[in-house]
Protein backbone atom coordinates (compact mmCIF):
# COMPACT_ATOMS: atom_id res chain seq x y z
CA UNK A 1 -50.68 -35.16 14.42
CA UNK A 2 -50.43 -37.27 11.25
CA UNK A 3 -50.68 -34.15 9.13
CA UNK A 4 -47.65 -32.68 10.96
CA UNK A 5 -45.43 -35.63 9.94
CA UNK A 6 -44.87 -34.59 6.30
CA UNK A 7 -44.02 -31.02 7.40
CA UNK A 8 -41.52 -32.32 9.98
CA UNK A 9 -39.91 -34.50 7.36
CA UNK A 10 -39.68 -31.50 4.99
CA UNK A 11 -37.97 -29.40 7.71
CA UNK A 12 -35.52 -32.21 8.43
CA UNK A 13 -34.74 -32.55 4.69
CA UNK A 14 -34.16 -28.83 4.48
CA UNK A 15 -31.85 -28.86 7.44
CA UNK A 16 -29.86 -31.77 6.01
CA UNK A 17 -29.47 -30.05 2.59
CA UNK A 18 -28.30 -26.93 4.41
CA UNK A 19 -25.04 -28.73 5.11
CA UNK A 20 -24.06 -28.31 1.44
CA UNK A 21 -21.79 -25.41 0.44
CA UNK A 22 -20.99 -24.74 -3.21
CA UNK A 23 -17.96 -22.83 -4.27
CA UNK A 24 -14.24 -23.30 -3.26
CA UNK A 25 -13.13 -23.85 0.31
CA UNK A 26 -10.66 -21.09 1.05
CA UNK A 27 -7.04 -21.84 1.73
CA UNK A 28 -4.43 -19.11 2.30
CA UNK A 29 -2.62 -18.52 -1.05
CA UNK A 30 1.06 -19.40 -1.20
CA UNK A 31 3.46 -16.48 -1.55
CA UNK A 32 7.23 -16.53 -2.22
CA UNK A 33 9.01 -16.29 1.10
CA UNK A 34 12.79 -15.99 1.42
CA UNK A 35 14.55 -18.38 3.81
CA UNK A 36 16.51 -15.49 5.42
CA UNK A 37 17.01 -11.78 5.08
CA UNK A 38 19.78 -11.01 2.65
CA UNK A 39 20.97 -7.93 4.55
CA UNK A 40 21.82 -9.73 7.79
CA UNK A 41 24.09 -12.40 6.25
CA UNK A 42 27.54 -11.88 7.68
CA UNK A 43 26.38 -8.99 9.80
CA UNK A 44 25.11 -9.13 13.45
CA UNK A 45 23.92 -6.09 15.36
CA UNK A 46 26.42 -5.04 18.08
CA UNK A 47 23.86 -4.62 20.79
CA UNK A 48 20.68 -6.47 19.89
CA UNK A 49 17.59 -5.74 21.94
CA UNK A 50 15.13 -8.30 23.10
CA UNK A 51 12.22 -7.01 21.18
CA UNK A 52 10.21 -10.21 20.76
CA UNK A 53 7.18 -8.53 22.32
CA UNK A 54 6.87 -5.12 20.69
CA UNK A 55 3.36 -4.16 21.86
CA UNK A 56 4.58 -0.78 23.25
CA UNK A 57 7.69 -0.73 21.02
CA UNK A 58 8.40 2.93 21.56
CA UNK A 59 9.44 2.18 25.17
CA UNK A 60 12.64 0.77 23.70
CA UNK A 61 13.91 4.35 23.39
CA UNK A 62 13.51 5.00 27.12
CA UNK A 63 11.94 8.50 26.70
CA UNK A 64 9.05 9.20 29.16
CA UNK A 65 7.78 12.05 27.06
CA UNK A 66 7.45 9.83 24.02
CA UNK A 67 5.82 7.11 26.09
CA UNK A 68 3.19 9.56 27.29
CA UNK A 69 2.44 10.94 23.83
CA UNK A 70 2.19 7.45 22.26
CA UNK A 71 -0.23 6.33 24.89
CA UNK A 72 -2.60 9.10 23.83
CA UNK A 73 -2.76 8.03 20.17
CA UNK A 74 -5.07 5.04 20.60
CA UNK A 75 -7.29 7.00 23.01
CA UNK A 76 -7.71 10.31 21.24
CA UNK A 77 -6.70 10.03 17.58
CA UNK A 78 -9.75 10.75 15.47
CA UNK A 79 -8.65 8.67 12.46
CA UNK A 80 -8.41 5.67 14.75
CA UNK A 81 -11.87 6.51 16.17
CA UNK A 82 -13.26 6.42 12.64
CA UNK A 83 -11.64 3.08 11.93
CA UNK A 84 -12.88 1.67 15.16
CA UNK A 85 -16.42 2.66 14.20
CA UNK A 86 -15.93 1.05 10.82
CA UNK A 87 -14.88 -2.17 12.49
CA UNK A 88 -17.94 -2.13 14.72
CA UNK A 89 -20.09 -1.65 11.59
CA UNK A 90 -18.34 -4.64 9.99
CA UNK A 91 -19.09 -6.79 13.01
CA UNK A 92 -22.74 -5.79 12.92
CA UNK A 93 -22.89 -6.79 9.19
CA UNK A 94 -21.70 -10.30 10.17
CA UNK A 95 -24.61 -10.51 12.65
CA UNK A 96 -26.95 -9.35 9.92
CA UNK A 97 -25.79 -12.11 7.56
CA UNK A 98 -25.93 -14.76 10.29
CA UNK A 99 -29.58 -13.85 11.01
CA UNK A 100 -30.48 -15.18 7.57
CA UNK A 101 -29.83 -18.71 8.69
CA UNK A 102 -32.95 -18.66 10.99
CA UNK A 103 -36.62 -18.50 10.20
CA UNK A 104 -38.50 -15.23 10.37
CA UNK A 105 -41.29 -15.56 12.96
CA UNK A 106 -44.11 -13.02 13.23
CA UNK A 107 -46.99 -12.68 15.60
CA UNK A 108 -50.26 -10.96 15.21
CA UNK A 109 -53.47 -10.51 17.22
CA UNK A 110 -56.82 -8.88 16.48
CA UNK A 111 -60.13 -8.22 18.22
CA UNK A 112 -63.23 -6.65 16.65
CA UNK A 113 -66.87 -6.11 17.60
CA UNK A 114 -69.60 -4.94 15.15
CA UNK A 115 -73.30 -4.31 15.65
CA UNK A 116 -76.15 -3.99 13.08
CA UNK A 117 -79.69 -2.81 13.92
CA UNK A 118 -82.60 -5.13 12.76
CA UNK A 119 -85.86 -3.57 14.33
CA UNK A 120 -88.89 -2.04 12.52
CA UNK A 121 -90.86 1.09 13.66
CA UNK A 122 -94.67 1.89 13.19
CA UNK A 123 -95.25 5.45 11.94
CA UNK A 124 -98.58 7.27 12.07
CA UNK A 125 -100.05 9.33 9.18
CA UNK A 126 -98.88 12.52 10.85
CA UNK A 127 -95.32 11.24 10.96
CA UNK A 128 -95.07 10.35 14.69
CA UNK A 129 -93.54 7.06 15.79
CA UNK A 130 -96.10 4.91 17.54
CA UNK A 131 -93.87 1.98 18.33
CA UNK A 132 -92.46 -1.16 16.75
CA UNK A 133 -90.32 -4.23 17.24
CA UNK A 134 -86.70 -4.14 18.44
CA UNK A 135 -83.80 -6.33 17.18
CA UNK A 136 -80.28 -6.31 15.57
CA UNK A 137 -77.13 -8.37 15.93
CA UNK A 138 -73.64 -8.05 17.50
CA UNK A 139 -70.65 -9.94 15.96
CA UNK A 140 -67.37 -10.52 17.82
CA UNK A 141 -64.15 -11.87 16.38
CA UNK A 142 -60.91 -12.64 18.22
CA UNK A 143 -57.77 -14.06 16.70
CA UNK A 144 -54.07 -14.84 17.65
CA UNK A 145 -51.60 -16.02 15.04
CA UNK A 146 -47.92 -16.95 14.68
CA UNK A 147 -46.40 -17.11 11.25
CA UNK A 148 -42.94 -18.34 10.09
CA UNK A 149 -41.03 -18.13 6.92
CA UNK A 150 -37.73 -19.90 6.34
CA UNK A 151 -35.53 -20.30 3.33
CA UNK A 152 -33.10 -23.14 4.14
CA UNK A 153 -29.53 -22.47 3.13
CA UNK A 154 -29.52 -25.45 0.80
CA UNK A 155 -26.37 -24.58 -1.15
CA UNK A 156 -24.44 -22.50 1.35
CA UNK A 157 -25.23 -19.10 -0.05
CA UNK A 158 -25.93 -17.61 3.37
CA UNK A 159 -22.98 -19.35 4.96
CA UNK A 160 -20.69 -17.95 2.19
CA UNK A 161 -22.16 -14.53 2.82
CA UNK A 162 -21.33 -14.90 6.52
CA UNK A 163 -17.84 -16.11 5.60
CA UNK A 164 -17.46 -13.09 3.33
CA UNK A 165 -18.72 -10.62 5.99
CA UNK A 166 -16.55 -12.24 8.67
CA UNK A 167 -13.43 -11.94 6.51
CA UNK A 168 -14.39 -8.32 5.81
CA UNK A 169 -14.74 -7.60 9.51
CA UNK A 170 -11.35 -9.19 10.17
CA UNK A 171 -9.87 -7.03 7.38
CA UNK A 172 -11.48 -4.00 8.97
CA UNK A 173 -9.86 -4.89 12.32
CA UNK A 174 -6.51 -5.29 10.62
CA UNK A 175 -7.11 -1.93 8.95
CA UNK A 176 -7.67 -0.37 12.40
CA UNK A 177 -4.41 -1.98 13.63
CA UNK A 178 -2.57 -0.70 10.55
CA UNK A 179 -3.92 2.85 11.02
CA UNK A 180 -2.90 2.76 14.68
CA UNK A 181 0.58 1.57 13.75
CA UNK A 182 0.91 4.25 11.12
CA UNK A 183 -0.10 6.96 13.59
CA UNK A 184 2.38 5.60 16.15
CA UNK A 185 5.12 5.60 13.52
CA UNK A 186 4.31 9.16 12.41
CA UNK A 187 4.32 10.37 16.03
CA UNK A 188 7.61 8.71 16.80
CA UNK A 189 9.19 10.21 13.62
CA UNK A 190 7.82 13.64 14.43
CA UNK A 191 9.13 13.40 18.01
CA UNK A 192 12.57 12.42 16.78
CA UNK A 193 12.51 15.49 14.47
CA UNK A 194 11.39 17.69 17.35
CA UNK A 195 14.29 16.51 19.56
CA UNK A 196 16.69 16.81 16.59
CA UNK A 197 15.55 20.49 16.25
CA UNK A 198 16.16 20.96 19.97
CA UNK A 199 19.73 19.61 19.57
CA UNK A 200 20.27 21.70 16.45
CA UNK A 201 19.28 24.77 18.45
CA UNK A 202 21.68 23.86 21.25
CA UNK A 203 24.45 23.55 18.63
CA UNK A 204 23.45 26.76 16.97
CA UNK A 205 23.33 28.60 20.25
CA UNK A 206 26.79 27.41 21.11
CA UNK A 207 28.01 28.25 17.62
CA UNK A 208 26.51 31.77 17.81
CA UNK A 209 28.22 32.32 21.09
CA UNK A 210 31.50 31.19 19.65
CA UNK A 211 30.96 33.51 16.65
CA UNK A 212 30.33 36.37 19.04
CA UNK A 213 33.69 35.69 20.70
CA UNK A 214 35.36 35.55 17.29
CA UNK A 215 33.79 38.90 16.46
CA UNK A 216 35.14 40.38 19.62
CA UNK A 217 38.64 39.11 18.79
CA UNK A 218 38.38 40.57 15.25
CA UNK A 219 37.24 43.99 16.64
CA UNK A 220 40.09 43.99 19.19
CA UNK A 221 42.67 43.15 16.47
CA UNK A 222 41.18 45.82 14.19
CA UNK A 223 41.29 48.40 16.97
CA UNK A 224 44.94 47.46 17.56
CA UNK A 225 45.64 48.00 13.89
CA UNK A 226 46.71 44.41 13.26
CA UNK A 227 43.61 43.26 11.34
CA UNK A 228 41.53 44.57 8.46
CA UNK A 229 38.00 45.94 8.76
CA UNK A 230 36.98 43.10 6.42
CA UNK A 231 37.71 40.62 9.26
CA UNK A 232 35.14 42.42 11.38
CA UNK A 233 32.61 42.48 8.57
CA UNK A 234 33.12 38.70 7.97
CA UNK A 235 32.69 37.96 11.62
CA UNK A 236 29.56 40.06 11.86
CA UNK A 237 28.03 38.50 8.75
CA UNK A 238 28.74 35.04 10.06
CA UNK A 239 27.16 35.80 13.47
CA UNK A 240 23.99 37.35 12.02
CA UNK A 241 23.48 34.49 9.57
CA UNK A 242 23.76 31.98 12.43
CA UNK A 243 21.38 33.85 14.63
CA UNK A 244 18.88 33.97 11.73
CA UNK A 245 19.22 30.27 11.18
CA UNK A 246 18.81 29.69 14.93
CA UNK A 247 15.61 31.72 14.96
CA UNK A 248 14.19 29.87 11.96
CA UNK A 249 14.38 26.60 13.87
CA UNK A 250 11.54 27.88 16.07
CA UNK A 251 9.10 27.77 13.21
CA UNK A 252 10.03 24.22 12.29
CA UNK A 253 9.71 23.18 15.90
CA UNK A 254 6.20 24.72 16.19
CA UNK A 255 5.13 22.82 13.10
CA UNK A 256 6.35 19.52 14.69
CA UNK A 257 4.42 20.32 17.93
CA UNK A 258 1.22 20.96 15.88
CA UNK A 259 1.68 17.73 13.92
CA UNK A 260 2.04 15.82 17.17
CA UNK A 261 -1.02 17.57 18.61
CA UNK A 262 -3.12 16.31 15.67
CA UNK A 263 -1.90 12.75 16.15
CA UNK A 264 -2.81 12.74 19.85
CA UNK A 265 -6.21 14.30 19.22
CA UNK A 266 -5.35 17.66 20.86
CA UNK A 267 -5.94 21.23 19.69
CA UNK A 268 -2.94 22.92 18.07
CA UNK A 269 -1.82 24.48 21.39
CA UNK A 270 0.23 21.52 22.58
CA UNK A 271 3.48 22.73 24.20
CA UNK A 272 6.40 20.25 24.55
CA UNK A 273 9.25 21.64 26.56
CA UNK A 274 12.75 21.52 24.94
CA UNK A 275 14.89 18.67 26.22
CA UNK A 276 18.42 17.33 25.73
CA UNK A 277 19.22 14.83 23.01
CA UNK A 278 19.03 11.50 24.88
CA UNK A 279 17.46 9.24 22.21
CA UNK A 280 19.69 6.31 21.14
CA UNK A 281 19.08 3.85 18.32
CA UNK A 282 18.29 0.26 19.32
CA UNK A 283 19.03 -2.76 17.09
CA UNK A 284 15.91 -4.78 16.39
CA UNK A 285 16.32 -8.44 15.51
CA UNK A 286 14.03 -9.08 12.60
CA UNK A 287 13.41 -12.79 13.24
CA UNK A 288 12.61 -15.34 10.51
CA UNK A 289 11.13 -13.95 7.25
CA UNK A 290 8.21 -16.45 7.19
CA UNK A 291 6.88 -14.96 10.46
CA UNK A 292 6.52 -11.59 8.74
CA UNK A 293 3.35 -12.84 7.07
CA UNK A 294 1.80 -13.10 10.55
CA UNK A 295 3.22 -9.83 11.91
CA UNK A 296 2.15 -7.27 9.34
CA UNK A 297 -1.39 -5.86 9.51
CA UNK A 298 -1.36 -4.73 5.88
CA UNK A 299 -0.58 -8.37 4.85
CA UNK A 300 -3.48 -9.52 7.01
CA UNK A 301 -5.74 -6.98 5.31
CA UNK A 302 -4.80 -8.31 1.83
CA UNK A 303 -5.13 -11.94 2.96
CA UNK A 304 -8.53 -11.43 4.48
CA UNK A 305 -9.72 -9.61 1.37
CA UNK A 306 -8.71 -12.67 -0.59
CA UNK A 307 -10.72 -14.83 1.85
CA UNK A 308 -13.73 -12.54 1.36
CA UNK A 309 -13.34 -12.79 -2.41
CA UNK A 310 -13.22 -16.53 -2.27
CA UNK A 311 -16.51 -16.61 -0.36
CA UNK A 312 -18.15 -14.41 -3.04
CA UNK A 313 -17.48 -17.24 -5.56
CA UNK A 314 -19.69 -19.48 -3.49
CA UNK A 315 -22.34 -16.84 -3.18
CA UNK A 316 -22.43 -16.40 -6.98
CA UNK A 317 -22.32 -20.20 -7.65
CA UNK A 318 -25.37 -20.75 -5.40
CA UNK A 319 -27.46 -18.88 -7.99
CA UNK A 320 -27.19 -21.96 -10.26
CA UNK A 321 -29.40 -23.98 -7.84
CA UNK A 322 -33.07 -23.79 -6.88
CA UNK A 323 -34.22 -22.06 -3.70
CA UNK A 324 -36.71 -23.54 -1.28
CA UNK A 325 -39.06 -21.45 0.90
CA UNK A 326 -41.06 -22.92 3.77
CA UNK A 327 -43.96 -21.09 5.34
CA UNK A 328 -46.30 -21.93 8.15
CA UNK A 329 -48.88 -20.32 10.39
CA UNK A 330 -50.89 -21.36 13.38
CA UNK A 331 -53.09 -19.76 15.98
CA UNK A 332 -56.59 -19.55 17.33
CA UNK A 333 -59.77 -17.75 16.19
CA UNK A 334 -63.13 -17.52 18.00
CA UNK A 335 -66.30 -15.37 18.14
CA UNK A 336 -66.16 -15.29 21.90
CA UNK A 337 -63.15 -14.30 23.95
CA UNK A 338 -63.75 -17.16 26.38
CA UNK A 339 -63.59 -19.66 23.51
CA UNK A 340 -60.25 -18.38 22.03
CA UNK A 341 -58.17 -21.01 23.72
CA UNK A 342 -60.50 -23.95 23.32
CA UNK A 343 -59.25 -26.89 21.15
CA UNK A 344 -61.91 -26.20 18.56
CA UNK A 345 -60.49 -22.67 17.94
CA UNK A 346 -56.95 -23.75 16.96
CA UNK A 347 -55.77 -23.84 13.35
CA UNK A 348 -52.54 -24.30 11.46
CA UNK A 349 -51.23 -24.44 7.83
CA UNK A 350 -47.94 -25.14 6.12
CA UNK A 351 -46.58 -24.70 2.65
CA UNK A 352 -43.44 -25.19 0.70
CA UNK A 353 -42.41 -23.53 -2.60
CA UNK A 354 -39.36 -23.86 -4.83
CA UNK A 355 -37.93 -21.56 -7.46
CA UNK A 356 -35.37 -22.06 -10.12
CA UNK A 357 -34.01 -19.56 -12.66
CA UNK A 358 -34.49 -21.11 -16.13
CA UNK A 359 -32.92 -18.41 -18.23
CA UNK A 360 -31.26 -15.11 -17.43
CA UNK A 361 -29.07 -14.50 -20.43
CA UNK A 362 -25.89 -15.88 -18.87
CA UNK A 363 -26.10 -13.56 -15.88
CA UNK A 364 -25.20 -16.23 -13.28
CA UNK A 365 -22.23 -17.44 -15.35
CA UNK A 366 -20.99 -13.88 -15.68
CA UNK A 367 -21.41 -13.29 -11.90
CA UNK A 368 -19.32 -16.45 -11.15
CA UNK A 369 -16.63 -15.43 -13.66
CA UNK A 370 -16.50 -11.97 -12.15
CA UNK A 371 -16.20 -13.37 -8.60
CA UNK A 372 -13.37 -15.67 -9.69
CA UNK A 373 -11.53 -12.76 -11.34
CA UNK A 374 -11.98 -10.66 -8.21
CA UNK A 375 -10.43 -13.49 -6.19
CA UNK A 376 -7.47 -13.76 -8.57
CA UNK A 377 -6.93 -10.01 -8.20
CA UNK A 378 -7.10 -10.28 -4.38
CA UNK A 379 -4.53 -13.09 -4.40
CA UNK A 380 -2.19 -11.05 -6.62
CA UNK A 381 -2.58 -8.10 -4.24
CA UNK A 382 -1.85 -10.32 -1.29
CA UNK A 383 1.30 -11.67 -2.86
CA UNK A 384 2.44 -8.19 -3.97
CA UNK A 385 1.86 -6.76 -0.40
CA UNK A 386 3.91 -9.62 0.97
CA UNK A 387 6.77 -9.05 -1.45
CA UNK A 388 6.72 -5.33 -0.67
CA UNK A 389 6.88 -6.12 3.05
CA UNK A 390 9.98 -8.26 2.65
CA UNK A 391 11.59 -5.48 0.58
CA UNK A 392 10.73 -2.92 3.24
CA UNK A 393 12.38 -5.01 5.94
CA UNK A 394 15.46 -5.54 3.77
CA UNK A 395 15.69 -1.83 3.04
CA UNK A 396 15.63 -0.91 6.77
CA UNK A 397 18.08 -3.62 7.66
CA UNK A 398 20.46 -2.23 4.98
CA UNK A 399 19.97 1.26 6.32
CA UNK A 400 20.71 0.11 9.89
CA UNK A 401 23.90 -1.62 8.71
CA UNK A 402 25.18 1.30 6.57
CA UNK A 403 24.32 4.05 9.09
CA UNK A 404 26.01 2.04 11.96
CA UNK A 405 29.12 1.63 9.80
CA UNK A 406 29.05 5.34 8.89
CA UNK A 407 28.86 6.75 12.43
CA UNK A 408 32.44 6.13 13.57
CA UNK A 409 33.78 8.10 10.61
CA UNK A 410 31.43 11.01 11.37
CA UNK A 411 32.47 11.02 15.01
CA UNK A 412 36.12 11.21 13.93
CA UNK A 413 35.17 13.98 11.54
CA UNK A 414 33.61 15.98 14.33
CA UNK A 415 36.73 15.50 16.54
CA UNK A 416 39.03 16.59 13.66
CA UNK A 417 36.89 19.59 12.80
CA UNK A 418 36.76 20.78 16.42
CA UNK A 419 40.59 20.37 16.73
CA UNK A 420 41.13 22.25 13.41
CA UNK A 421 38.86 25.07 14.54
CA UNK A 422 40.69 25.37 17.87
CA UNK A 423 44.03 25.65 16.00
CA UNK A 424 42.70 28.19 13.48
CA UNK A 425 41.37 30.43 16.22
CA UNK A 426 44.65 30.36 18.10
CA UNK A 427 46.59 31.03 14.91
CA UNK A 428 44.34 33.98 14.07
CA UNK A 429 44.73 35.40 17.57
CA UNK A 430 48.56 35.03 17.10
CA UNK A 431 48.34 36.72 13.76
CA UNK A 432 49.70 33.86 11.69
CA UNK A 433 46.62 33.27 9.53
CA UNK A 434 43.92 35.47 8.21
CA UNK A 435 40.26 35.44 9.32
CA UNK A 436 39.16 33.46 6.25
CA UNK A 437 40.89 30.48 7.71
CA UNK A 438 38.80 30.81 10.91
CA UNK A 439 35.56 31.16 8.84
CA UNK A 440 36.28 27.96 6.91
CA UNK A 441 37.17 26.03 10.02
CA UNK A 442 33.98 27.22 11.87
CA UNK A 443 31.80 26.28 8.90
CA UNK A 444 33.45 22.84 8.66
CA UNK A 445 32.95 22.20 12.41
CA UNK A 446 29.25 23.25 12.29
CA UNK A 447 28.69 21.09 9.25
CA UNK A 448 30.34 18.09 10.96
CA UNK A 449 28.24 18.43 14.14
CA UNK A 450 25.02 18.75 12.11
CA UNK A 451 25.93 15.73 9.95
CA UNK A 452 26.56 13.63 13.02
CA UNK A 453 23.21 14.73 14.55
CA UNK A 454 21.44 14.00 11.28
CA UNK A 455 22.92 10.52 11.09
CA UNK A 456 21.84 9.77 14.71
CA UNK A 457 18.34 10.95 13.89
CA UNK A 458 18.36 8.79 10.75
CA UNK A 459 19.35 5.77 12.79
CA UNK A 460 16.49 6.39 15.17
CA UNK A 461 13.87 6.73 12.35
CA UNK A 462 15.28 3.73 10.63
CA UNK A 463 14.78 1.77 13.85
CA UNK A 464 11.19 2.99 14.11
CA UNK A 465 10.63 2.08 10.40
CA UNK A 466 12.02 -1.37 11.00
CA UNK A 467 9.74 -1.98 14.00
CA UNK A 468 6.76 -0.90 11.99
CA UNK A 469 7.94 -2.92 8.91
CA UNK A 470 8.00 -5.91 11.24
CA UNK A 471 4.36 -5.28 12.30
CA UNK A 472 4.96 -3.57 15.60
CA UNK A 473 3.54 -5.59 18.43
CA UNK A 474 0.65 -7.04 16.51
CA UNK A 475 0.11 -10.63 15.32
CA UNK A 476 -2.38 -12.02 12.88
CA UNK A 477 -3.43 -14.57 15.48
CA UNK A 478 -5.53 -11.86 16.99
CA UNK A 479 -7.90 -12.19 14.02
CA UNK A 480 -9.19 -15.63 15.11
CA UNK A 481 -11.34 -13.97 17.80
CA UNK A 482 -12.68 -11.22 15.53
């Protein structure tokens, strides 16, 4: 028992020294943060939506088809499946690093029996064996042994490695969230384009039908001798061009369906039935700029990478200090199985060794300098990511404001163009204007309708972009449990 006292004291000393950690203690780097968004000063959305909880942010648009498609992204998207696997791998690496805090214990057992002959025989002159003495020996050996090796984390190297791995795992989780948000954004944008193409086709179908009626009027007037053949040719050209443009929309729509199929992890045979244009833009209150740092997964990635880089400084700094290795073994050994567990068969031994690098050509110093430089780079990337995030929110707020202000003028333009077209057609039927006037009016009306539709689609995609720029429904507080 007295011999075990020095070993116990050595273990306690190692455990006490393990409380030390060299290297800097990480604190989130400061980043320039505006007090308010510049674009919302003096401007308030007309119909703000309560979007404080934007977990399923796409439901704000009230489209069941979009809701169904978005729900499939997290389940079936293969890019997300790959990122989820990467996150699980990162978590496993944390467990690997944590295992280094504990001793490595091994067990072994052996059993052997050997026999050697020791008798002598009497041989006659003719070579026959007449007899002799018998003898020999049998040797048995049984052993059980437990061994342990432990390198106490005297200077916090292992704990810094765990800190590094944990920050990496959290960055991996934020990468998964960012990939999911990007896929949801792309799907929403593709879906808006799909419905925009449906509405364009409805407009083109109605326009082609109107062109066909204009062609019939031109033919009737030509047959009556009150219009030139060129009027008929112009009407036919206009009708065929519109029908060709209408047909081309089918190819664009098929491409959007295929893009959506990839995002939801489906083969390229997804069919989405055409539907009326019911999507409406929703104003999203951006909140306070300072909260953006907690609501953007890409900012969380950059911040966690800075934390991982900070931990690497401690890992490199620990190389300046000596390492201590404790080893021990104990067990039982006997020449008879029945004696294996007797007190006389037990044995144990313990040892301690220390190692210190005396000279390595400045390698340790260079490693510490490289780790500090990597940390400075990570901090700069974090700050740049934050600044870019603020700019992205400002850009989308500006787009919302400008597009909302532009829409009343476009609506008035559509109404004026439709009225001008109605008058031109009546005048042509009465013979007071030529057919060129009708062609110009029809082109202006079609352009006005398409411009209004394009603006509504832009407002929708800007809304989606703003939701994503604000981090969707994710918050960096989720990282504390990762």
